[in-house]
C-alpha atoms as a PDB file:
ATOM      1  CA  MET A   1     101.746  82.880 109.663  1.00  0.00           C
ATOM      2  CA  SER A   2      99.457  83.187 106.726  1.00  0.00           C
ATOM      3  CA  ARG A   3     100.944  83.951 103.354  1.00  0.00           C
ATOM      4  CA  ASN A   4      98.084  86.191 102.434  1.00  0.00           C
ATOM      5  CA  ARG A   5      98.683  88.379 105.155  1.00  0.00           C
ATOM      6  CA  LYS A   6      99.504  91.854 103.835  1.00  0.00           C
ATOM      7  CA  LEU A   7     102.529  93.514 105.397  1.00  0.00           C
ATOM      8  CA  ILE A   8     102.261  96.713 104.051  1.00  0.00           C
ATOM      9  CA  SER A   9      98.786  98.725 103.408  1.00  0.00           C
ATOM     10  CA  GLU A  10      97.376  99.022  99.812  1.00  0.00           C
ATOM     11  CA  ASN A  11      97.465 102.699 100.164  1.00  0.00           C
ATOM     12  CA  LEU A  12     100.981 102.704 101.345  1.00  0.00           C
ATOM     13  CA  ARG A  13     101.888 100.532  98.416  1.00  0.00           C
ATOM     14  CA  GLU A  14     100.068 102.875  95.752  1.00  0.00           C
ATOM     15  CA  GLU A  15     101.681 106.001  97.370  1.00  0.00           C
ATOM     16  CA  ILE A  16     105.302 104.247  97.035  1.00  0.00           C
ATOM     17  CA  ALA A  17     104.387 103.274  93.715  1.00  0.00           C
ATOM     18  CA  LYS A  18     103.494 106.613  92.418  1.00  0.00           C
ATOM     19  CA  GLU A  19     106.349 108.116  93.924  1.00  0.00           C
ATOM     20  CA  LEU A  20     108.909 105.842  92.105  1.00  0.00           C
ATOM     21  CA  GLY A  21     106.577 106.071  88.951  1.00  0.00           C
ATOM     22  CA  VAL A  22     105.419 102.511  89.000  1.00  0.00           C
ATOM     23  CA  TYR A  23     101.889 103.066  89.683  1.00  0.00           C
ATOM     24  CA  ASP A  24     100.817 104.184  86.216  1.00  0.00           C
ATOM     25  CA  GLN A  25     101.919 100.640  84.783  1.00  0.00           C
ATOM     26  CA  VAL A  26      99.778  99.077  87.570  1.00  0.00           C
ATOM     27  CA  LYS A  27      96.933 101.239  86.758  1.00  0.00           C
ATOM     28  CA  GLN A  28      97.203 100.818  82.926  1.00  0.00           C
ATOM     29  CA  ASP A  29      96.952  96.848  84.080  1.00  0.00           C
ATOM     30  CA  GLY A  30      93.526  97.363  85.593  1.00  0.00           C
ATOM     31  CA  GLY A  31      95.393  97.486  89.154  1.00  0.00           C
ATOM     32  CA  SER A  32      97.031  94.240  88.684  1.00  0.00           C
ATOM     33  CA  TRP A  33     100.459  94.139  89.909  1.00  0.00           C
ATOM     34  CA  ALA A  34     101.548  91.158  88.198  1.00  0.00           C
ATOM     35  CA  SER A  35     103.392  93.208  85.658  1.00  0.00           C
ATOM     36  CA  VAL A  36     105.663  95.058  87.889  1.00  0.00           C
ATOM     37  CA  SER A  37     109.211  93.937  87.849  1.00  0.00           C
ATOM     38  CA  SER A  38     110.821  92.093  90.702  1.00  0.00           C
ATOM     39  CA  LYS A  39     113.249  95.045  90.706  1.00  0.00           C
ATOM     40  CA  ASP A  40     110.501  97.712  91.360  1.00  0.00           C
ATOM     41  CA  CYS A  41     108.564  95.385  93.741  1.00  0.00           C
ATOM     42  CA  GLY A  42     111.952  95.404  95.839  1.00  0.00           C
ATOM     43  CA  ASN A  43     112.348  99.076  95.925  1.00  0.00           C
ATOM     44  CA  ILE A  44     108.856  99.511  97.069  1.00  0.00           C
ATOM     45  CA  VAL A  45     109.585  97.271 100.125  1.00  0.00           C
ATOM     46  CA  SER A  46     112.926  99.240 100.433  1.00  0.00           C
ATOM     47  CA  LYS A  47     111.107 102.475 100.856  1.00  0.00           C
ATOM     48  CA  ALA A  48     108.394 100.807 103.094  1.00  0.00           C
ATOM     49  CA  ILE A  49     111.074  99.963 105.304  1.00  0.00           C
ATOM     50  CA  GLU A  50     112.661 103.164 105.108  1.00  0.00           C
ATOM     51  CA  ILE A  51     109.359 104.782 106.212  1.00  0.00           C
ATOM     52  CA  ALA A  52     108.712 102.535 108.977  1.00  0.00           C
ATOM     53  CA  ASN A  53     112.315 102.973 110.708  1.00  0.00           C
ATOM     54  CA  ARG A  54     111.736 106.659 110.430  1.00  0.00           C
ATOM     55  CA  SER A  55     108.408 106.528 112.293  1.00  0.00           C
ATOM     56  CA  VAL A  56     109.861 104.219 114.943  1.00  0.00           C
ATOM     57  CA  GLN A  57     112.991 106.581 115.381  1.00  0.00           C
ATOM     58  CA  LYS A  58     110.425 109.439 116.127  1.00  0.00           C
END
């Protein structure tokens, strides 16, 4: 599998980042996610997994 393959959509990632209060930092950096901490990235992934699990259970 290619490492460039995105596992979650950009829209979903942005929505979760907004919900967690991280997106302002991304927006301030011109859309770069490089300054987002690994902890915050992990929280985004955890939330995406939670959303995916809920949609599978329905």
